[in-house]
Amino acid sequence: MELFIRNNSSQPIYVQLTDQIRSKILSGELAENEMLPSIRLLAKELRISVITTKRAYDDLEAAGLIYTIPKKGSFVAPQNMELRREASLKDVEDLLQKALDTARQGGISSQEVKGILELLLEGDDSL
């Protein structure tokens, strides 16, 4: 599993880790019941604290994305398709909010933003 930690990011390391694993689970890159690296191994590979890795795994477990079997390891939890859809909707909302904030800062009107979105949607037959 390929994960990247940016030390210059304003996001805490455990959030970066949680977000990346969450994304891999929701995209299907990590399959149901697939074993995740142990907390210690992942911490060693990423050169981060075991406590930081544990916090990320705890957050993922609290969100229902992984489950842990003592002395066996952590695994990707079976995914509810509605939960997966809701997570995707939240991601889209967050990204659109960032785009709107950027547009406001740049003095771009709502009509221009709508026009950009319409142009982008025209080129995408998958939606």
N, C-alpha and C. Protein backbone atom coordinates (compact mmCIF):
# COMPACT_ATOMS: atom_id res chain seq x y z
N MET A 1 0.85 -1.16 0.00
CA MET A 1 0.00 0.00 0.00
C MET A 1 0.90 1.23 0.00
N GLU A 2 0.71 2.07 -0.99
CA GLU A 2 1.54 3.26 -1.15
C GLU A 2 0.86 4.46 -0.50
N LEU A 3 1.54 5.04 0.49
CA LEU A 3 1.03 6.21 1.20
C LEU A 3 2.14 7.25 1.25
N PHE A 4 1.73 8.52 1.22
CA PHE A 4 2.69 9.61 1.25
C PHE A 4 2.36 10.56 2.39
N ILE A 5 3.36 10.91 3.16
CA ILE A 5 3.20 11.86 4.25
C ILE A 5 3.97 13.12 3.88
N ARG A 6 3.26 14.24 3.92
CA ARG A 6 3.91 15.53 3.63
C ARG A 6 4.17 16.25 4.95
N ASN A 7 5.43 16.42 5.27
CA ASN A 7 5.80 17.09 6.51
C ASN A 7 5.50 18.59 6.48
N ASN A 8 5.39 19.15 5.28
CA ASN A 8 5.12 20.58 5.16
C ASN A 8 3.62 20.89 5.06
N SER A 9 2.78 19.88 5.22
CA SER A 9 1.34 20.07 5.14
C SER A 9 0.80 20.65 6.45
N SER A 10 -0.28 21.42 6.33
CA SER A 10 -0.92 21.95 7.54
C SER A 10 -1.77 20.88 8.22
N GLN A 11 -2.04 19.77 7.50
CA GLN A 11 -2.81 18.67 8.08
C GLN A 11 -1.93 17.82 8.98
N PRO A 12 -2.44 17.43 10.15
CA PRO A 12 -1.68 16.50 10.99
C PRO A 12 -1.40 15.20 10.24
N ILE A 13 -0.32 14.54 10.60
CA ILE A 13 0.07 13.31 9.92
C ILE A 13 -1.01 12.24 10.03
N TYR A 14 -1.64 12.09 11.19
CA TYR A 14 -2.66 11.05 11.33
C TYR A 14 -3.85 11.33 10.41
N VAL A 15 -4.16 12.60 10.15
CA VAL A 15 -5.26 12.94 9.23
C VAL A 15 -4.86 12.59 7.80
N GLN A 16 -3.62 12.90 7.42
CA GLN A 16 -3.14 12.54 6.08
C GLN A 16 -3.25 11.03 5.88
N LEU A 17 -2.82 10.29 6.87
CA LEU A 17 -2.84 8.83 6.81
C LEU A 17 -4.28 8.31 6.73
N THR A 18 -5.14 8.81 7.61
CA THR A 18 -6.54 8.41 7.63
C THR A 18 -7.20 8.70 6.28
N ASP A 19 -7.00 9.90 5.76
CA ASP A 19 -7.63 10.30 4.49
C ASP A 19 -7.17 9.42 3.33
N GLN A 20 -5.89 9.11 3.29
CA GLN A 20 -5.37 8.30 2.18
C GLN A 20 -5.90 6.86 2.24
N ILE A 21 -5.91 6.28 3.42
CA ILE A 21 -6.42 4.91 3.54
C ILE A 21 -7.92 4.89 3.26
N ARG A 22 -8.64 5.86 3.79
CA ARG A 22 -10.08 5.99 3.54
C ARG A 22 -10.36 6.06 2.04
N SER A 23 -9.59 6.87 1.35
CA SER A 23 -9.75 7.02 -0.10
C SER A 23 -9.51 5.70 -0.83
N LYS A 24 -8.48 4.97 -0.41
CA LYS A 24 -8.17 3.69 -1.05
C LYS A 24 -9.28 2.66 -0.79
N ILE A 25 -9.88 2.72 0.39
CA ILE A 25 -10.98 1.80 0.70
C ILE A 25 -12.21 2.15 -0.12
N LEU A 26 -12.58 3.43 -0.12
CA LEU A 26 -13.80 3.85 -0.80
C LEU A 26 -13.70 3.72 -2.32
N SER A 27 -12.48 3.82 -2.86
CA SER A 27 -12.31 3.67 -4.30
C SER A 27 -12.27 2.21 -4.73
N GLY A 28 -12.15 1.31 -3.75
CA GLY A 28 -12.06 -0.11 -4.06
C GLY A 28 -10.64 -0.59 -4.27
N GLU A 29 -9.67 0.31 -4.14
CA GLU A 29 -8.27 -0.08 -4.30
C GLU A 29 -7.88 -1.10 -3.22
N LEU A 30 -8.47 -0.93 -2.03
CA LEU A 30 -8.30 -1.92 -0.97
C LEU A 30 -9.61 -2.70 -0.87
N ALA A 31 -9.53 -4.00 -1.03
CA ALA A 31 -10.72 -4.84 -1.08
C ALA A 31 -11.23 -5.21 0.32
N GLU A 32 -12.50 -5.57 0.37
CA GLU A 32 -13.09 -6.03 1.63
C GLU A 32 -12.27 -7.18 2.20
N ASN A 33 -12.07 -7.14 3.49
CA ASN A 33 -11.34 -8.15 4.26
C ASN A 33 -9.85 -8.22 3.93
N GLU A 34 -9.35 -7.27 3.14
CA GLU A 34 -7.92 -7.23 2.86
C GLU A 34 -7.19 -6.79 4.12
N MET A 35 -6.10 -7.45 4.40
CA MET A 35 -5.33 -7.13 5.60
C MET A 35 -4.50 -5.88 5.35
N LEU A 36 -4.53 -4.98 6.34
CA LEU A 36 -3.70 -3.78 6.29
C LEU A 36 -2.36 -4.07 6.94
N PRO A 37 -1.35 -3.26 6.63
CA PRO A 37 -0.06 -3.45 7.32
C PRO A 37 -0.25 -3.26 8.82
N SER A 38 0.54 -3.94 9.60
CA SER A 38 0.45 -3.75 11.05
C SER A 38 0.78 -2.30 11.39
N ILE A 39 0.30 -1.86 12.53
CA ILE A 39 0.56 -0.49 12.97
C ILE A 39 2.05 -0.24 13.05
N ARG A 40 2.77 -1.18 13.63
CA ARG A 40 4.23 -1.01 13.79
C ARG A 40 4.95 -0.99 12.44
N LEU A 41 4.56 -1.89 11.54
CA LEU A 41 5.22 -1.94 10.23
C LEU A 41 4.95 -0.65 9.45
N LEU A 42 3.72 -0.19 9.45
CA LEU A 42 3.38 1.02 8.71
C LEU A 42 4.13 2.22 9.30
N ALA A 43 4.18 2.30 10.62
CA ALA A 43 4.91 3.40 11.27
C ALA A 43 6.39 3.36 10.86
N LYS A 44 6.96 2.18 10.84
CA LYS A 44 8.37 2.03 10.47
C LYS A 44 8.59 2.43 9.01
N GLU A 45 7.71 1.96 8.11
CA GLU A 45 7.85 2.27 6.68
C GLU A 45 7.72 3.77 6.41
N LEU A 46 6.81 4.42 7.12
CA LEU A 46 6.57 5.85 6.89
C LEU A 46 7.45 6.74 7.77
N ARG A 47 8.20 6.10 8.67
CA ARG A 47 9.07 6.81 9.61
C ARG A 47 8.27 7.81 10.44
N ILE A 48 7.18 7.29 11.01
CA ILE A 48 6.34 8.10 11.89
C ILE A 48 6.11 7.33 13.18
N SER A 49 5.52 7.98 14.14
CA SER A 49 5.26 7.37 15.44
C SER A 49 4.20 6.27 15.36
N VAL A 50 4.38 5.24 16.15
CA VAL A 50 3.38 4.17 16.26
C VAL A 50 2.06 4.76 16.79
N ILE A 51 2.17 5.73 17.68
CA ILE A 51 0.97 6.37 18.24
C ILE A 51 0.18 7.08 17.15
N THR A 52 0.87 7.73 16.23
CA THR A 52 0.22 8.41 15.11
C THR A 52 -0.51 7.41 14.22
N THR A 53 0.15 6.31 13.92
CA THR A 53 -0.46 5.27 13.08
C THR A 53 -1.65 4.65 13.79
N LYS A 54 -1.52 4.41 15.08
CA LYS A 54 -2.63 3.84 15.85
C LYS A 54 -3.83 4.78 15.84
N ARG A 55 -3.59 6.06 15.96
CA ARG A 55 -4.70 7.03 15.94
C ARG A 55 -5.43 6.97 14.60
N ALA A 56 -4.69 6.88 13.51
CA ALA A 56 -5.31 6.79 12.19
C ALA A 56 -6.16 5.52 12.09
N TYR A 57 -5.61 4.39 12.53
CA TYR A 57 -6.36 3.13 12.48
C TYR A 57 -7.60 3.20 13.39
N ASP A 58 -7.45 3.81 14.56
CA ASP A 58 -8.59 3.96 15.47
C ASP A 58 -9.70 4.79 14.82
N ASP A 59 -9.31 5.88 14.15
CA ASP A 59 -10.29 6.73 13.47
C ASP A 59 -10.98 5.98 12.33
N LEU A 60 -10.22 5.19 11.60
CA LEU A 60 -10.80 4.39 10.50
C LEU A 60 -11.75 3.34 11.05
N GLU A 61 -11.39 2.75 12.17
CA GLU A 61 -12.26 1.74 12.79
C GLU A 61 -13.54 2.39 13.31
N ALA A 62 -13.42 3.57 13.93
CA ALA A 62 -14.59 4.29 14.43
C ALA A 62 -15.54 4.67 13.30
N ALA A 63 -14.98 4.91 12.12
CA ALA A 63 -15.78 5.26 10.95
C ALA A 63 -16.38 4.03 10.26
N GLY A 64 -16.02 2.84 10.76
CA GLY A 64 -16.56 1.61 10.18
C GLY A 64 -15.87 1.18 8.90
N LEU A 65 -14.68 1.73 8.64
CA LEU A 65 -13.97 1.39 7.41
C LEU A 65 -13.04 0.20 7.57
N ILE A 66 -12.58 -0.04 8.79
CA ILE A 66 -11.73 -1.20 9.05
C ILE A 66 -12.19 -1.87 10.34
N TYR A 67 -11.76 -3.09 10.53
CA TYR A 67 -12.00 -3.78 11.80
C TYR A 67 -10.69 -4.45 12.21
N THR A 68 -10.56 -4.66 13.50
CA THR A 68 -9.33 -5.25 14.03
C THR A 68 -9.65 -6.52 14.79
N ILE A 69 -8.87 -7.53 14.53
CA ILE A 69 -8.96 -8.79 15.27
C ILE A 69 -7.69 -8.87 16.11
N PRO A 70 -7.84 -8.88 17.43
CA PRO A 70 -6.65 -8.92 18.29
C PRO A 70 -5.70 -10.07 17.90
N LYS A 71 -4.43 -9.74 17.83
CA LYS A 71 -3.34 -10.67 17.51
C LYS A 71 -3.37 -11.17 16.07
N LYS A 72 -4.33 -10.68 15.27
CA LYS A 72 -4.39 -11.06 13.85
C LYS A 72 -4.09 -9.87 12.96
N GLY A 73 -4.63 -8.70 13.31
CA GLY A 73 -4.37 -7.50 12.51
C GLY A 73 -5.63 -6.72 12.19
N SER A 74 -5.46 -5.73 11.34
CA SER A 74 -6.57 -4.88 10.91
C SER A 74 -6.90 -5.19 9.46
N PHE A 75 -8.20 -5.15 9.16
CA PHE A 75 -8.70 -5.54 7.85
C PHE A 75 -9.71 -4.52 7.35
N VAL A 76 -9.87 -4.45 6.03
CA VAL A 76 -10.86 -3.57 5.43
C VAL A 76 -12.24 -4.15 5.70
N ALA A 77 -13.11 -3.33 6.26
CA ALA A 77 -14.47 -3.77 6.59
C ALA A 77 -15.31 -3.84 5.32
N PRO A 78 -16.28 -4.77 5.29
CA PRO A 78 -17.22 -4.79 4.16
C PRO A 78 -17.91 -3.43 4.08
N GLN A 79 -18.08 -2.94 2.85
CA GLN A 79 -18.60 -1.60 2.67
C GLN A 79 -20.07 -1.60 2.27
N ASN A 80 -20.82 -0.79 2.95
CA ASN A 80 -22.21 -0.53 2.62
C ASN A 80 -22.20 0.44 1.44
N MET A 81 -22.86 0.10 0.34
CA MET A 81 -22.83 0.93 -0.86
C MET A 81 -23.42 2.32 -0.59
N GLU A 82 -24.42 2.41 0.26
CA GLU A 82 -25.01 3.72 0.57
C GLU A 82 -24.01 4.56 1.37
N LEU A 83 -23.29 3.93 2.28
CA LEU A 83 -22.26 4.63 3.03
C LEU A 83 -21.16 5.12 2.10
N ARG A 84 -20.79 4.29 1.15
CA ARG A 84 -19.78 4.64 0.17
C ARG A 84 -20.22 5.85 -0.65
N ARG A 85 -21.51 5.85 -1.06
CA ARG A 85 -22.06 6.95 -1.84
C ARG A 85 -22.08 8.23 -1.01
N GLU A 86 -22.47 8.13 0.25
CA GLU A 86 -22.50 9.31 1.13
C GLU A 86 -21.09 9.88 1.31
N ALA A 87 -20.12 9.03 1.44
CA ALA A 87 -18.74 9.49 1.59
C ALA A 87 -18.29 10.22 0.32
N SER A 88 -18.67 9.68 -0.82
CA SER A 88 -18.32 10.33 -2.08
C SER A 88 -19.01 11.68 -2.21
N LEU A 89 -20.28 11.75 -1.81
CA LEU A 89 -21.00 13.02 -1.84
C LEU A 89 -20.32 14.06 -0.96
N LYS A 90 -19.88 13.63 0.22
CA LYS A 90 -19.19 14.56 1.12
C LYS A 90 -17.89 15.04 0.50
N ASP A 91 -17.16 14.15 -0.13
CA ASP A 91 -15.91 14.54 -0.78
C ASP A 91 -16.18 15.57 -1.88
N VAL A 92 -17.22 15.34 -2.68
CA VAL A 92 -17.57 16.27 -3.76
C VAL A 92 -17.95 17.63 -3.18
N GLU A 93 -18.75 17.62 -2.11
CA GLU A 93 -19.15 18.88 -1.46
C GLU A 93 -17.93 19.64 -0.96
N ASP A 94 -17.00 18.94 -0.34
CA ASP A 94 -15.80 19.59 0.18
C ASP A 94 -14.97 20.21 -0.95
N LEU A 95 -14.82 19.46 -2.04
CA LEU A 95 -14.04 19.97 -3.17
C LEU A 95 -14.72 21.16 -3.84
N LEU A 96 -16.05 21.08 -3.98
CA LEU A 96 -16.77 22.20 -4.58
C LEU A 96 -16.70 23.43 -3.68
N GLN A 97 -16.75 23.23 -2.37
CA GLN A 97 -16.62 24.37 -1.45
C GLN A 97 -15.26 25.03 -1.60
N LYS A 98 -14.21 24.22 -1.74
CA LYS A 98 -12.87 24.78 -1.95
C LYS A 98 -12.83 25.57 -3.25
N ALA A 99 -13.47 25.03 -4.30
CA ALA A 99 -13.50 25.72 -5.58
C ALA A 99 -14.25 27.06 -5.45
N LEU A 100 -15.35 27.07 -4.73
CA LEU A 100 -16.11 28.31 -4.53
C LEU A 100 -15.30 29.33 -3.73
N ASP A 101 -14.60 28.87 -2.72
CA ASP A 101 -13.76 29.77 -1.93
C ASP A 101 -12.67 30.39 -2.81
N THR A 102 -12.07 29.57 -3.65
CA THR A 102 -11.03 30.05 -4.56
C THR A 102 -11.62 31.06 -5.55
N ALA A 103 -12.80 30.77 -6.07
CA ALA A 103 -13.46 31.67 -7.01
C ALA A 103 -13.74 33.03 -6.34
N ARG A 104 -14.24 32.99 -5.10
CA ARG A 104 -14.51 34.25 -4.36
C ARG A 104 -13.24 35.07 -4.21
N GLN A 105 -12.16 34.39 -3.83
CA GLN A 105 -10.89 35.08 -3.62
C GLN A 105 -10.36 35.68 -4.92
N GLY A 106 -10.67 35.03 -6.03
CA GLY A 106 -10.20 35.50 -7.34
C GLY A 106 -11.16 36.44 -8.04
N GLY A 107 -12.27 36.76 -7.38
CA GLY A 107 -13.23 37.68 -7.98
C GLY A 107 -14.01 37.07 -9.14
N ILE A 108 -14.17 35.76 -9.13
CA ILE A 108 -14.91 35.07 -10.20
C ILE A 108 -16.38 35.00 -9.78
N SER A 109 -17.26 35.37 -10.70
CA SER A 109 -18.69 35.41 -10.40
C SER A 109 -19.31 34.02 -10.36
N SER A 110 -20.49 33.94 -9.74
CA SER A 110 -21.19 32.66 -9.68
C SER A 110 -21.58 32.19 -11.08
N GLN A 111 -21.90 33.12 -11.97
CA GLN A 111 -22.24 32.75 -13.35
C GLN A 111 -21.04 32.12 -14.05
N GLU A 112 -19.84 32.67 -13.81
CA GLU A 112 -18.64 32.11 -14.41
C GLU A 112 -18.36 30.72 -13.85
N VAL A 113 -18.58 30.55 -12.55
CA VAL A 113 -18.37 29.24 -11.92
C VAL A 113 -19.33 28.23 -12.53
N LYS A 114 -20.60 28.61 -12.66
CA LYS A 114 -21.60 27.71 -13.27
C LYS A 114 -21.20 27.36 -14.69
N GLY A 115 -20.71 28.33 -15.42
CA GLY A 115 -20.28 28.08 -16.80
C GLY A 115 -19.13 27.09 -16.87
N ILE A 116 -18.18 27.25 -15.96
CA ILE A 116 -17.04 26.33 -15.91
C ILE A 116 -17.52 24.92 -15.60
N LEU A 117 -18.41 24.80 -14.62
CA LEU A 117 -18.93 23.48 -14.24
C LEU A 117 -19.68 22.84 -15.41
N GLU A 118 -20.49 23.62 -16.09
CA GLU A 118 -21.23 23.10 -17.25
C GLU A 118 -20.28 22.61 -18.34
N LEU A 119 -19.22 23.38 -18.59
CA LEU A 119 -18.24 22.96 -19.59
C LEU A 119 -17.55 21.65 -19.19
N LEU A 120 -17.20 21.55 -17.94
CA LEU A 120 -16.56 20.32 -17.45
C LEU A 120 -17.52 19.13 -17.54
N LEU A 121 -18.78 19.35 -17.23
CA LEU A 121 -19.75 18.27 -17.29
C LEU A 121 -20.02 17.83 -18.73
N GLU A 122 -19.98 18.75 -19.67
CA GLU A 122 -20.19 18.40 -21.08
C GLU A 122 -19.17 17.39 -21.57
N GLY A 123 -17.95 17.51 -21.10
CA GLY A 123 -16.88 16.63 -21.56
C GLY A 123 -16.82 15.31 -20.84
N ASP A 124 -17.76 15.06 -19.91
CA ASP A 124 -17.71 13.83 -19.11
C ASP A 124 -19.00 13.06 -19.26
N ASP A 125 -18.98 12.01 -20.04
CA ASP A 125 -20.18 11.20 -20.27
C ASP A 125 -20.48 10.24 -19.13
N SER A 126 -19.58 10.12 -18.17
CA SER A 126 -19.77 9.15 -17.10
C SER A 126 -20.71 9.65 -16.00
N LEU A 127 -21.05 10.93 -16.00
CA LEU A 127 -21.96 11.47 -14.96
C LEU A 127 -23.37 11.60 -15.48
